[in-house]
Amino acid sequence: MINSIWFIALALMLAAYAVLDGFDLGIGVLHLVLGRTTEERTQLIDTIGPVWNGNEVWLLAAGGSMVVAFPTLYAASFSGFYLALMLVLWLLLLRGLGIEFRHQIHHPMWEHAWDVAFAVSSALLALLFGVAVGNVLRGVPFDVDGQFTGSFSVLLNPFAIVGGLLGVTTLAFHGACWAALKTDGDLQARARRFAGRLWFVSIAVLGLMIAASFAVSPHFTDNFSRYPVLLLVPAATLGALVLNRRALGRRDDRAAFRGSAAYVAGIIASVAAGLYPMLLPPLAGSPYPGLDIYNSAAPPHSLRTALAIYLFGIGLVSIYLANIYRIWSGKGSESS
């Protein structure tokens, strides 16, 4: 039971990160095309300025949870995906520098250079996160001892690239909905148009990903066949897309953003529902059965102790972030 609770907790933290830092990344992906002037790009960054670094706490929390709850998963992931994780780390640093440094010197060349750094790092992060999800669905190569035997080039397979494209298009769509909610004037109208167009692009890539998954990971649907109630998760995800589309048509930016947030969270929840109890499946033909919530977990006493500390810490973080979002609930150009 405690193992399943930690699986749900890890999935919730990843979903929270995808939703909250997802629109930050989406703003970065669209930064150079949505903002046509330096002033508009400044306005876009101002919409995420108070919250972007707090949103990344959920990624740290997910990584920390892997250490205390599923140490074998942590060891295998961080050894097998070492180069990819180092790229993620450096891109996160570059993205933060792009946000903070562009304001230090008011010169067109300086500001444009950091705008490019912010946009490129955000797009690559969205791509890498999507590639990671694609590889989890596809499975990774293990040896008989459960050690990762592939390389970075193995991770860049066609199915994972489709996952990367899904990450970029989905987070760009999510970011456009956030921009429409937090800006006004021409920039808001442009963000609405981008959100409308990206809705179609995102759902097309999602359809391609789903179709390819039947060939690459045929066992992924086993949980849905065994427990039909789980079909409510992907159904709710598609329902969120429908509600988003209707809200975009009504120019109800708040409802549209809620719909895109539910859509992003639904993708993560659907992946978790299909994987359970697996955490890192094996690639077809691997001699090791993969890592699940049992063979990669810490001892039960450690799991129970860590859960109590986790609930306390996450409660504090949630209260803090809720207060920050309440204070900065206005448009990006407003102070409160």
C-alpha atoms as a PDB file:
ATOM      1  CA  MET A   1       0.000   0.000   0.000  1.00  0.00           C
ATOM      2  CA  ILE A   2       2.728   2.462   0.984  1.00  0.00           C
ATOM      3  CA  ASN A   3       4.535   1.752  -2.305  1.00  0.00           C
ATOM      4  CA  SER A   4       1.415   2.684  -4.275  1.00  0.00           C
ATOM      5  CA  ILE A   5       0.981   5.858  -2.231  1.00  0.00           C
ATOM      6  CA  TRP A   6       4.501   6.915  -3.159  1.00  0.00           C
ATOM      7  CA  PHE A   7       3.815   6.121  -6.820  1.00  0.00           C
ATOM      8  CA  ILE A   8       0.781   8.418  -6.701  1.00  0.00           C
ATOM      9  CA  ALA A   9       2.777  11.092  -4.857  1.00  0.00           C
ATOM     10  CA  LEU A  10       5.534  10.992  -7.489  1.00  0.00           C
ATOM     11  CA  ALA A  11       2.965  11.202 -10.300  1.00  0.00           C
ATOM     12  CA  LEU A  12       1.258  14.164  -8.616  1.00  0.00           C
ATOM     13  CA  MET A  13       4.541  16.044  -8.256  1.00  0.00           C
ATOM     14  CA  LEU A  14       5.438  15.454 -11.889  1.00  0.00           C
ATOM     15  CA  ALA A  15       1.964  16.581 -12.939  1.00  0.00           C
ATOM     16  CA  ALA A  16       2.264  19.707 -10.770  1.00  0.00           C
ATOM     17  CA  TYR A  17       5.626  20.477 -12.356  1.00  0.00           C
ATOM     18  CA  ALA A  18       4.290  19.897 -15.872  1.00  0.00           C
ATOM     19  CA  VAL A  19       1.340  22.239 -15.266  1.00  0.00           C
ATOM     20  CA  LEU A  20       3.100  25.021 -13.359  1.00  0.00           C
ATOM     21  CA  ASP A  21       6.536  25.132 -14.947  1.00  0.00           C
ATOM     22  CA  GLY A  22       4.917  24.017 -18.194  1.00  0.00           C
ATOM     23  CA  PHE A  23       3.428  27.409 -18.940  1.00  0.00           C
ATOM     24  CA  ASP A  24       6.799  29.003 -18.047  1.00  0.00           C
ATOM     25  CA  LEU A  25       8.454  26.801 -20.642  1.00  0.00           C
ATOM     26  CA  GLY A  26       5.643  27.521 -23.080  1.00  0.00           C
ATOM     27  CA  ILE A  27       6.215  31.252 -22.711  1.00  0.00           C
ATOM     28  CA  GLY A  28       9.866  30.608 -23.526  1.00  0.00           C
ATOM     29  CA  VAL A  29       9.070  28.471 -26.577  1.00  0.00           C
ATOM     30  CA  LEU A  30       6.862  31.258 -27.977  1.00  0.00           C
ATOM     31  CA  HIS A  31       8.965  34.135 -26.658  1.00  0.00           C
ATOM     32  CA  LEU A  32      10.551  35.257 -29.914  1.00  0.00           C
ATOM     33  CA  VAL A  33       7.474  34.741 -32.103  1.00  0.00           C
ATOM     34  CA  LEU A  34       4.716  35.861 -29.757  1.00  0.00           C
ATOM     35  CA  GLY A  35       6.526  38.959 -28.526  1.00  0.00           C
ATOM     36  CA  ARG A  36       7.355  41.088 -31.559  1.00  0.00           C
ATOM     37  CA  THR A  37       9.016  43.970 -29.729  1.00  0.00           C
ATOM     38  CA  THR A  38      11.346  44.271 -26.767  1.00  0.00           C
ATOM     39  CA  GLU A  39       8.486  45.745 -24.741  1.00  0.00           C
ATOM     40  CA  GLU A  40       6.176  42.816 -25.528  1.00  0.00           C
ATOM     41  CA  ARG A  41       8.886  40.292 -24.659  1.00  0.00           C
ATOM     42  CA  THR A  42       9.463  42.105 -21.391  1.00  0.00           C
ATOM     43  CA  GLN A  43       5.743  41.881 -20.708  1.00  0.00           C
ATOM     44  CA  LEU A  44       5.765  38.140 -21.380  1.00  0.00           C
ATOM     45  CA  ILE A  45       8.630  37.603 -18.957  1.00  0.00           C
ATOM     46  CA  ASP A  46       6.856  39.779 -16.391  1.00  0.00           C
ATOM     47  CA  THR A  47       3.908  37.358 -16.477  1.00  0.00           C
ATOM     48  CA  ILE A  48       6.127  34.565 -15.110  1.00  0.00           C
ATOM     49  CA  GLY A  49       8.652  36.673 -13.182  1.00  0.00           C
ATOM     50  CA  PRO A  50       7.148  36.201  -9.697  1.00  0.00           C
ATOM     51  CA  VAL A  51       6.476  32.463 -10.026  1.00  0.00           C
ATOM     52  CA  TRP A  52       8.880  30.713 -12.402  1.00  0.00           C
ATOM     53  CA  ASN A  53      11.542  29.772  -9.837  1.00  0.00           C
ATOM     54  CA  GLY A  54       8.915  28.611  -7.340  1.00  0.00           C
ATOM     55  CA  ASN A  55       7.364  26.382  -9.986  1.00  0.00           C
ATOM     56  CA  GLU A  56      10.643  24.506 -10.371  1.00  0.00           C
ATOM     57  CA  VAL A  57      10.422  23.354  -6.752  1.00  0.00           C
ATOM     58  CA  TRP A  58       8.134  20.556  -7.932  1.00  0.00           C
ATOM     59  CA  LEU A  59      10.893  19.128 -10.132  1.00  0.00           C
ATOM     60  CA  LEU A  60      13.271  19.140  -7.159  1.00  0.00           C
ATOM     61  CA  ALA A  61      10.588  17.543  -4.991  1.00  0.00           C
ATOM     62  CA  ALA A  62      10.067  14.781  -7.558  1.00  0.00           C
ATOM     63  CA  GLY A  63      13.806  14.111  -7.728  1.00  0.00           C
ATOM     64  CA  GLY A  64      14.055  14.073  -3.938  1.00  0.00           C
ATOM     65  CA  SER A  65      11.140  11.663  -3.713  1.00  0.00           C
ATOM     66  CA  MET A  66      12.926   9.279  -6.041  1.00  0.00           C
ATOM     67  CA  VAL A  67      15.956   9.332  -3.734  1.00  0.00           C
ATOM     68  CA  VAL A  68      14.043   8.478  -0.553  1.00  0.00           C
ATOM     69  CA  ALA A  69      11.243   6.279  -1.945  1.00  0.00           C
ATOM     70  CA  PHE A  70      12.701   4.577  -5.032  1.00  0.00           C
ATOM     71  CA  PRO A  71      16.510   4.755  -4.708  1.00  0.00           C
ATOM     72  CA  THR A  72      17.096   2.027  -7.297  1.00  0.00           C
ATOM     73  CA  LEU A  73      15.073   3.990  -9.839  1.00  0.00           C
ATOM     74  CA  TYR A  74      17.074   7.102  -8.978  1.00  0.00           C
ATOM     75  CA  ALA A  75      20.380   5.252  -9.420  1.00  0.00           C
ATOM     76  CA  ALA A  76      19.388   3.677 -12.740  1.00  0.00           C
ATOM     77  CA  SER A  77      17.875   6.883 -14.129  1.00  0.00           C
ATOM     78  CA  PHE A  78      20.708   9.187 -13.160  1.00  0.00           C
ATOM     79  CA  SER A  79      23.357   6.788 -14.449  1.00  0.00           C
ATOM     80  CA  GLY A  80      21.589   5.845 -17.669  1.00  0.00           C
ATOM     81  CA  PHE A  81      20.282   9.319 -18.447  1.00  0.00           C
ATOM     82  CA  TYR A  82      23.382  11.112 -17.137  1.00  0.00           C
ATOM     83  CA  LEU A  83      24.150  13.167 -20.245  1.00  0.00           C
ATOM     84  CA  ALA A  84      20.495  14.043 -20.779  1.00  0.00           C
ATOM     85  CA  LEU A  85      20.150  15.108 -17.131  1.00  0.00           C
ATOM     86  CA  MET A  86      23.272  17.244 -17.348  1.00  0.00           C
ATOM     87  CA  LEU A  87      21.790  18.930 -20.415  1.00  0.00           C
ATOM     88  CA  VAL A  88      18.585  19.562 -18.480  1.00  0.00           C
ATOM     89  CA  LEU A  89      20.569  21.051 -15.594  1.00  0.00           C
ATOM     90  CA  TRP A  90      22.542  23.415 -17.831  1.00  0.00           C
ATOM     91  CA  LEU A  91      19.444  24.403 -19.768  1.00  0.00           C
ATOM     92  CA  LEU A  92      17.623  25.204 -16.529  1.00  0.00           C
ATOM     93  CA  LEU A  93      20.564  27.397 -15.516  1.00  0.00           C
ATOM     94  CA  LEU A  94      20.680  29.106 -18.924  1.00  0.00           C
ATOM     95  CA  ARG A  95      16.942  29.710 -18.829  1.00  0.00           C
ATOM     96  CA  GLY A  96      17.192  31.311 -15.400  1.00  0.00           C
ATOM     97  CA  LEU A  97      20.074  33.477 -16.544  1.00  0.00           C
ATOM     98  CA  GLY A  98      18.069  34.553 -19.582  1.00  0.00           C
ATOM     99  CA  ILE A  99      15.210  35.716 -17.361  1.00  0.00           C
ATOM    100  CA  GLU A 100      17.366  37.513 -14.803  1.00  0.00           C
ATOM    101  CA  PHE A 101      20.211  38.933 -16.893  1.00  0.00           C
ATOM    102  CA  ARG A 102      18.152  40.568 -19.659  1.00  0.00           C
ATOM    103  CA  HIS A 103      17.050  43.248 -17.177  1.00  0.00           C
ATOM    104  CA  GLN A 104      20.566  44.134 -16.040  1.00  0.00           C
ATOM    105  CA  ILE A 105      21.646  46.213 -19.050  1.00  0.00           C
ATOM    106  CA  HIS A 106      19.160  48.130 -21.195  1.00  0.00           C
ATOM    107  CA  HIS A 107      20.744  47.668 -24.591  1.00  0.00           C
ATOM    108  CA  PRO A 108      19.008  46.057 -27.600  1.00  0.00           C
ATOM    109  CA  MET A 109      21.864  43.642 -28.329  1.00  0.00           C
ATOM    110  CA  TRP A 110      22.121  42.534 -24.689  1.00  0.00           C
ATOM    111  CA  GLU A 111      18.382  42.039 -24.287  1.00  0.00           C
ATOM    112  CA  HIS A 112      18.032  40.181 -27.584  1.00  0.00           C
ATOM    113  CA  ALA A 113      20.913  37.834 -26.729  1.00  0.00           C
ATOM    114  CA  TRP A 114      19.266  36.810 -23.451  1.00  0.00           C
ATOM    115  CA  ASP A 115      15.875  36.574 -25.139  1.00  0.00           C
ATOM    116  CA  VAL A 116      17.384  34.033 -27.542  1.00  0.00           C
ATOM    117  CA  ALA A 117      19.004  32.156 -24.649  1.00  0.00           C
ATOM    118  CA  PHE A 118      15.676  32.040 -22.808  1.00  0.00           C
ATOM    119  CA  ALA A 119      13.752  30.867 -25.881  1.00  0.00           C
ATOM    120  CA  VAL A 120      16.236  28.225 -27.024  1.00  0.00           C
ATOM    121  CA  SER A 121      16.759  26.759 -23.542  1.00  0.00           C
ATOM    122  CA  SER A 122      12.997  26.612 -22.935  1.00  0.00           C
ATOM    123  CA  ALA A 123      12.336  24.867 -26.257  1.00  0.00           C
ATOM    124  CA  LEU A 124      15.120  22.335 -25.673  1.00  0.00           C
ATOM    125  CA  LEU A 125      13.870  21.634 -22.148  1.00  0.00           C
ATOM    126  CA  ALA A 126      10.355  20.993 -23.444  1.00  0.00           C
ATOM    127  CA  LEU A 127      11.825  18.707 -26.097  1.00  0.00           C
ATOM    128  CA  LEU A 128      13.975  16.759 -23.606  1.00  0.00           C
ATOM    129  CA  PHE A 129      11.127  16.315 -21.148  1.00  0.00           C
ATOM    130  CA  GLY A 130       8.957  14.942 -23.942  1.00  0.00           C
ATOM    131  CA  VAL A 131      11.778  12.650 -25.060  1.00  0.00           C
ATOM    132  CA  ALA A 132      12.057  11.369 -21.486  1.00  0.00           C
ATOM    133  CA  VAL A 133       8.342  10.518 -21.378  1.00  0.00           C
ATOM    134  CA  GLY A 134       8.643   8.798 -24.747  1.00  0.00           C
ATOM    135  CA  ASN A 135      11.509   6.632 -23.524  1.00  0.00           C
ATOM    136  CA  VAL A 136       9.644   5.696 -20.350  1.00  0.00           C
ATOM    137  CA  LEU A 137       6.709   4.515 -22.465  1.00  0.00           C
ATOM    138  CA  ARG A 138       8.980   2.677 -24.907  1.00  0.00           C
ATOM    139  CA  GLY A 139      11.232   1.157 -22.247  1.00  0.00           C
ATOM    140  CA  VAL A 140      14.987   1.357 -21.789  1.00  0.00           C
ATOM    141  CA  PRO A 141      17.661  -1.327 -22.277  1.00  0.00           C
ATOM    142  CA  PHE A 142      18.714  -3.141 -19.074  1.00  0.00           C
ATOM    143  CA  ASP A 143      21.335  -5.822 -18.534  1.00  0.00           C
ATOM    144  CA  VAL A 144      20.751  -8.877 -16.315  1.00  0.00           C
ATOM    145  CA  ASP A 145      21.670  -6.860 -13.196  1.00  0.00           C
ATOM    146  CA  GLY A 146      19.220  -4.056 -13.927  1.00  0.00           C
ATOM    147  CA  GLN A 147      21.834  -1.602 -15.133  1.00  0.00           C
ATOM    148  CA  PHE A 148      21.111   0.759 -18.007  1.00  0.00           C
ATOM    149  CA  THR A 149      23.082  -0.386 -21.054  1.00  0.00           C
ATOM    150  CA  GLY A 150      22.170   2.211 -23.660  1.00  0.00           C
ATOM    151  CA  SER A 151      23.588   5.581 -24.625  1.00  0.00           C
ATOM    152  CA  PHE A 152      22.274   9.066 -25.255  1.00  0.00           C
ATOM    153  CA  SER A 153      21.853   8.247 -28.940  1.00  0.00           C
ATOM    154  CA  VAL A 154      19.626   5.286 -28.014  1.00  0.00           C
ATOM    155  CA  LEU A 155      17.311   7.689 -26.188  1.00  0.00           C
ATOM    156  CA  LEU A 156      16.857   9.756 -29.364  1.00  0.00           C
ATOM    157  CA  ASN A 157      14.767   7.120 -31.122  1.00  0.00           C
ATOM    158  CA  PRO A 158      11.877   8.037 -33.451  1.00  0.00           C
ATOM    159  CA  PHE A 159       9.160   7.339 -30.858  1.00  0.00           C
ATOM    160  CA  ALA A 160      10.905   9.476 -28.248  1.00  0.00           C
ATOM    161  CA  ILE A 161      11.329  12.277 -30.799  1.00  0.00           C
ATOM    162  CA  VAL A 162       7.561  12.237 -31.317  1.00  0.00           C
ATOM    163  CA  GLY A 163       7.269  12.523 -27.536  1.00  0.00           C
ATOM    164  CA  GLY A 164       9.626  15.487 -27.676  1.00  0.00           C
ATOM    165  CA  LEU A 165       7.483  17.173 -30.322  1.00  0.00           C
ATOM    166  CA  LEU A 166       4.428  16.537 -28.146  1.00  0.00           C
ATOM    167  CA  GLY A 167       6.234  18.200 -25.242  1.00  0.00           C
ATOM    168  CA  VAL A 168       7.105  21.287 -27.289  1.00  0.00           C
ATOM    169  CA  THR A 169       3.691  21.728 -28.895  1.00  0.00           C
ATOM    170  CA  THR A 170       1.702  20.997 -25.727  1.00  0.00           C
ATOM    171  CA  LEU A 171       3.700  23.347 -23.521  1.00  0.00           C
ATOM    172  CA  ALA A 172       3.673  26.047 -26.203  1.00  0.00           C
ATOM    173  CA  PHE A 173      -0.123  25.712 -26.310  1.00  0.00           C
ATOM    174  CA  HIS A 174      -0.260  25.881 -22.495  1.00  0.00           C
ATOM    175  CA  GLY A 175       2.022  28.919 -22.507  1.00  0.00           C
ATOM    176  CA  ALA A 176      -0.139  30.705 -25.092  1.00  0.00           C
ATOM    177  CA  CYS A 177      -3.185  30.207 -22.861  1.00  0.00           C
ATOM    178  CA  TRP A 178      -1.246  31.682 -19.937  1.00  0.00           C
ATOM    179  CA  ALA A 179      -0.126  34.646 -22.047  1.00  0.00           C
ATOM    180  CA  ALA A 180      -3.716  35.304 -23.116  1.00  0.00           C
ATOM    181  CA  LEU A 181      -4.766  35.269 -19.461  1.00  0.00           C
ATOM    182  CA  LYS A 182      -1.995  37.555 -18.196  1.00  0.00           C
ATOM    183  CA  THR A 183      -1.614  40.136 -20.983  1.00  0.00           C
ATOM    184  CA  ASP A 184      -3.858  42.599 -22.757  1.00  0.00           C
ATOM    185  CA  GLY A 185      -4.136  44.534 -26.015  1.00  0.00           C
ATOM    186  CA  ASP A 186      -2.473  43.299 -29.204  1.00  0.00           C
ATOM    187  CA  LEU A 187      -0.291  40.827 -27.313  1.00  0.00           C
ATOM    188  CA  GLN A 188      -3.327  39.195 -25.734  1.00  0.00           C
ATOM    189  CA  ALA A 189      -5.122  38.945 -29.088  1.00  0.00           C
ATOM    190  CA  ARG A 190      -2.035  37.385 -30.652  1.00  0.00           C
ATOM    191  CA  ALA A 191      -1.726  34.905 -27.770  1.00  0.00           C
ATOM    192  CA  ARG A 192      -5.337  33.843 -28.296  1.00  0.00           C
ATOM    193  CA  ARG A 193      -4.660  33.209 -31.989  1.00  0.00           C
ATOM    194  CA  PHE A 194      -1.550  31.177 -31.166  1.00  0.00           C
ATOM    195  CA  ALA A 195      -3.492  29.140 -28.609  1.00  0.00           C
ATOM    196  CA  GLY A 196      -6.202  28.401 -31.174  1.00  0.00           C
ATOM    197  CA  ARG A 197      -3.705  27.222 -33.784  1.00  0.00           C
ATOM    198  CA  LEU A 198      -1.576  25.248 -31.341  1.00  0.00           C
ATOM    199  CA  TRP A 199      -4.701  23.443 -30.124  1.00  0.00           C
ATOM    200  CA  PHE A 200      -4.890  21.672 -33.482  1.00  0.00           C
ATOM    201  CA  VAL A 201      -1.140  21.048 -33.656  1.00  0.00           C
ATOM    202  CA  SER A 202      -1.015  19.603 -30.153  1.00  0.00           C
ATOM    203  CA  ILE A 203      -3.944  17.248 -30.648  1.00  0.00           C
ATOM    204  CA  ALA A 204      -2.497  16.084 -33.993  1.00  0.00           C
ATOM    205  CA  VAL A 205       0.862  15.224 -32.374  1.00  0.00           C
ATOM    206  CA  LEU A 206      -0.966  13.581 -29.459  1.00  0.00           C
ATOM    207  CA  GLY A 207      -2.878  11.413 -31.937  1.00  0.00           C
ATOM    208  CA  LEU A 208       0.394  10.436 -33.633  1.00  0.00           C
ATOM    209  CA  MET A 209       1.922   9.587 -30.255  1.00  0.00           C
ATOM    210  CA  ILE A 210      -1.035   7.422 -29.268  1.00  0.00           C
ATOM    211  CA  ALA A 211      -1.046   5.604 -32.609  1.00  0.00           C
ATOM    212  CA  ALA A 212       2.699   4.941 -32.417  1.00  0.00           C
ATOM    213  CA  SER A 213       2.446   3.712 -28.819  1.00  0.00           C
ATOM    214  CA  PHE A 214       0.296   0.745 -29.884  1.00  0.00           C
ATOM    215  CA  ALA A 215       3.220  -0.510 -31.969  1.00  0.00           C
ATOM    216  CA  VAL A 216       6.036   0.484 -29.605  1.00  0.00           C
ATOM    217  CA  SER A 217       4.406  -0.351 -26.259  1.00  0.00           C
ATOM    218  CA  PRO A 218       1.465  -2.730 -26.847  1.00  0.00           C
ATOM    219  CA  HIS A 219       1.222  -3.644 -23.144  1.00  0.00           C
ATOM    220  CA  PHE A 220       0.590  -0.048 -22.103  1.00  0.00           C
ATOM    221  CA  THR A 221      -3.173  -0.523 -22.465  1.00  0.00           C
ATOM    222  CA  ASP A 222      -3.283  -3.598 -20.188  1.00  0.00           C
ATOM    223  CA  ASN A 223      -4.236  -1.583 -17.106  1.00  0.00           C
ATOM    224  CA  PHE A 224      -7.051   0.127 -18.966  1.00  0.00           C
ATOM    225  CA  SER A 225      -8.397  -3.258 -20.108  1.00  0.00           C
ATOM    226  CA  ARG A 226      -8.074  -4.751 -16.633  1.00  0.00           C
ATOM    227  CA  TYR A 227      -9.541  -1.746 -14.817  1.00  0.00           C
ATOM    228  CA  PRO A 228     -11.947   0.053 -17.205  1.00  0.00           C
ATOM    229  CA  VAL A 229     -12.508   2.813 -14.648  1.00  0.00           C
ATOM    230  CA  LEU A 230      -9.032   4.086 -15.555  1.00  0.00           C
ATOM    231  CA  LEU A 231     -10.397   5.053 -18.970  1.00  0.00           C
ATOM    232  CA  LEU A 232     -11.919   8.036 -17.197  1.00  0.00           C
ATOM    233  CA  VAL A 233      -8.417   9.558 -17.014  1.00  0.00           C
ATOM    234  CA  PRO A 234      -7.750   9.847 -20.787  1.00  0.00           C
ATOM    235  CA  ALA A 235     -11.435  10.676 -21.305  1.00  0.00           C
ATOM    236  CA  ALA A 236     -11.132  13.589 -18.878  1.00  0.00           C
ATOM    237  CA  THR A 237      -7.952  14.670 -20.665  1.00  0.00           C
ATOM    238  CA  LEU A 238      -9.769  14.869 -23.993  1.00  0.00           C
ATOM    239  CA  GLY A 239     -12.692  16.562 -22.248  1.00  0.00           C
ATOM    240  CA  ALA A 240     -10.327  19.250 -20.986  1.00  0.00           C
ATOM    241  CA  LEU A 241      -9.268  19.891 -24.577  1.00  0.00           C
ATOM    242  CA  VAL A 242     -12.898  20.291 -25.633  1.00  0.00           C
ATOM    243  CA  LEU A 243     -13.604  22.695 -22.771  1.00  0.00           C
ATOM    244  CA  ASN A 244     -10.475  24.639 -23.661  1.00  0.00           C
ATOM    245  CA  ARG A 245     -11.597  24.982 -27.257  1.00  0.00           C
ATOM    246  CA  ARG A 246     -15.009  26.258 -26.225  1.00  0.00           C
ATOM    247  CA  ALA A 247     -13.431  28.726 -23.800  1.00  0.00           C
ATOM    248  CA  LEU A 248     -11.086  30.006 -26.500  1.00  0.00           C
ATOM    249  CA  GLY A 249     -14.101  30.599 -28.722  1.00  0.00           C
ATOM    250  CA  ARG A 250     -15.784  32.619 -25.946  1.00  0.00           C
ATOM    251  CA  ARG A 251     -12.508  34.451 -25.174  1.00  0.00           C
ATOM    252  CA  ASP A 252     -12.791  33.198 -21.616  1.00  0.00           C
ATOM    253  CA  ASP A 253      -9.050  33.195 -20.933  1.00  0.00           C
ATOM    254  CA  ARG A 254      -9.293  31.910 -17.357  1.00  0.00           C
ATOM    255  CA  ALA A 255     -11.382  28.891 -18.368  1.00  0.00           C
ATOM    256  CA  ALA A 256      -9.102  28.281 -21.358  1.00  0.00           C
ATOM    257  CA  PHE A 257      -6.042  28.218 -19.121  1.00  0.00           C
ATOM    258  CA  ARG A 258      -7.740  25.863 -16.692  1.00  0.00           C
ATOM    259  CA  GLY A 259      -8.543  23.603 -19.621  1.00  0.00           C
ATOM    260  CA  SER A 260      -4.951  23.576 -20.873  1.00  0.00           C
ATOM    261  CA  ALA A 261      -3.707  22.921 -17.317  1.00  0.00           C
ATOM    262  CA  ALA A 262      -6.111  19.982 -16.963  1.00  0.00           C
ATOM    263  CA  TYR A 263      -4.974  18.696 -20.370  1.00  0.00           C
ATOM    264  CA  VAL A 264      -1.295  18.770 -19.381  1.00  0.00           C
ATOM    265  CA  ALA A 265      -2.031  17.130 -16.028  1.00  0.00           C
ATOM    266  CA  GLY A 266      -4.215  14.555 -17.779  1.00  0.00           C
ATOM    267  CA  ILE A 267      -1.390  13.463 -20.072  1.00  0.00           C
ATOM    268  CA  ILE A 268       0.849  12.768 -17.060  1.00  0.00           C
ATOM    269  CA  ALA A 269      -2.012  11.039 -15.223  1.00  0.00           C
ATOM    270  CA  SER A 270      -2.771   8.857 -18.270  1.00  0.00           C
ATOM    271  CA  VAL A 271       0.880   7.817 -18.528  1.00  0.00           C
ATOM    272  CA  ALA A 272       0.933   6.979 -14.805  1.00  0.00           C
ATOM    273  CA  ALA A 273      -2.308   4.986 -15.051  1.00  0.00           C
ATOM    274  CA  GLY A 274      -0.934   2.937 -17.933  1.00  0.00           C
ATOM    275  CA  LEU A 275       2.457   2.305 -16.339  1.00  0.00           C
ATOM    276  CA  TYR A 276       1.431   1.316 -12.801  1.00  0.00           C
ATOM    277  CA  PRO A 277       3.095  -0.468 -11.033  1.00  0.00           C
ATOM    278  CA  MET A 278       6.049  -0.006 -13.399  1.00  0.00           C
ATOM    279  CA  LEU A 279       8.352   2.959 -12.970  1.00  0.00           C
ATOM    280  CA  LEU A 280      10.867   2.278 -15.725  1.00  0.00           C
ATOM    281  CA  PRO A 281       9.841  -0.515 -18.120  1.00  0.00           C
ATOM    282  CA  PRO A 282      12.434  -2.588 -19.982  1.00  0.00           C
ATOM    283  CA  LEU A 283      12.965  -2.304 -23.696  1.00  0.00           C
ATOM    284  CA  ALA A 284      11.673  -5.348 -25.550  1.00  0.00           C
ATOM    285  CA  GLY A 285      14.337  -8.065 -25.418  1.00  0.00           C
ATOM    286  CA  SER A 286      16.039  -6.824 -22.249  1.00  0.00           C
ATOM    287  CA  PRO A 287      16.919  -9.662 -19.823  1.00  0.00           C
ATOM    288  CA  TYR A 288      15.776  -7.637 -16.796  1.00  0.00           C
ATOM    289  CA  PRO A 289      12.047  -7.168 -16.009  1.00  0.00           C
ATOM    290  CA  GLY A 290      12.392  -3.433 -15.376  1.00  0.00           C
ATOM    291  CA  LEU A 291      11.923  -1.312 -12.274  1.00  0.00           C
ATOM    292  CA  ASP A 292       8.604  -1.171 -10.468  1.00  0.00           C
ATOM    293  CA  ILE A 293       7.304   0.195  -7.168  1.00  0.00           C
ATOM    294  CA  TYR A 294       8.461  -2.962  -5.362  1.00  0.00           C
ATOM    295  CA  ASN A 295      11.912  -3.914  -6.622  1.00  0.00           C
ATOM    296  CA  SER A 296      13.155  -0.312  -6.607  1.00  0.00           C
ATOM    297  CA  ALA A 297      11.601   0.847  -3.318  1.00  0.00           C
ATOM    298  CA  ALA A 298      13.215   1.661   0.015  1.00  0.00           C
ATOM    299  CA  PRO A 299      12.278  -0.443   3.090  1.00  0.00           C
ATOM    300  CA  PRO A 300       8.677   0.035   4.316  1.00  0.00           C
ATOM    301  CA  HIS A 301       9.723   1.813   7.527  1.00  0.00           C
ATOM    302  CA  SER A 302      11.747   4.326   5.503  1.00  0.00           C
ATOM    303  CA  LEU A 303       8.807   4.887   3.159  1.00  0.00           C
ATOM    304  CA  ARG A 304       6.431   5.606   6.052  1.00  0.00           C
ATOM    305  CA  THR A 305       8.849   7.980   7.760  1.00  0.00           C
ATOM    306  CA  ALA A 306       9.649   9.811   4.528  1.00  0.00           C
ATOM    307  CA  LEU A 307       5.933  10.143   3.700  1.00  0.00           C
ATOM    308  CA  ALA A 308       5.221  12.019   6.935  1.00  0.00           C
ATOM    309  CA  ILE A 309       8.075  14.465   6.229  1.00  0.00           C
ATOM    310  CA  TYR A 310       7.016  14.769   2.602  1.00  0.00           C
ATOM    311  CA  LEU A 311       3.410  15.667   3.455  1.00  0.00           C
ATOM    312  CA  PHE A 312       4.568  18.371   5.860  1.00  0.00           C
ATOM    313  CA  GLY A 313       7.035  19.869   3.343  1.00  0.00           C
ATOM    314  CA  ILE A 314       4.643  19.762   0.404  1.00  0.00           C
ATOM    315  CA  GLY A 315       1.963  21.388   2.552  1.00  0.00           C
ATOM    316  CA  LEU A 316       4.264  24.331   3.272  1.00  0.00           C
ATOM    317  CA  VAL A 317       5.249  24.669  -0.391  1.00  0.00           C
ATOM    318  CA  SER A 318       1.617  24.563  -1.500  1.00  0.00           C
ATOM    319  CA  ILE A 319       0.603  27.288   0.962  1.00  0.00           C
ATOM    320  CA  TYR A 320       3.507  29.471  -0.153  1.00  0.00           C
ATOM    321  CA  LEU A 321       2.792  29.069  -3.865  1.00  0.00           C
ATOM    322  CA  ALA A 322      -0.942  29.598  -3.403  1.00  0.00           C
ATOM    323  CA  ASN A 323      -0.189  32.879  -1.647  1.00  0.00           C
ATOM    324  CA  ILE A 324       2.227  33.979  -4.376  1.00  0.00           C
ATOM    325  CA  TYR A 325      -0.321  33.261  -7.109  1.00  0.00           C
ATOM    326  CA  ARG A 326      -2.965  35.136  -5.127  1.00  0.00           C
ATOM    327  CA  ILE A 327      -0.738  38.209  -4.748  1.00  0.00           C
ATOM    328  CA  TRP A 328       0.265  38.211  -8.425  1.00  0.00           C
ATOM    329  CA  SER A 329      -3.167  37.335  -9.787  1.00  0.00           C
ATOM    330  CA  GLY A 330      -3.456  40.359 -12.079  1.00  0.00           C
ATOM    331  CA  LYS A 331      -2.074  41.008 -15.523  1.00  0.00           C
ATOM    332  CA  GLY A 332       1.662  40.842 -16.130  1.00  0.00           C
ATOM    333  CA  SER A 333       1.879  44.614 -16.306  1.00  0.00           C
ATOM    334  CA  GLU A 334       0.200  44.991 -12.928  1.00  0.00           C
ATOM    335  CA  SER A 335       1.935  44.778  -9.605  1.00  0.00           C
ATOM    336  CA  SER A 336      -0.813  42.829  -7.893  1.00  0.00           C
END
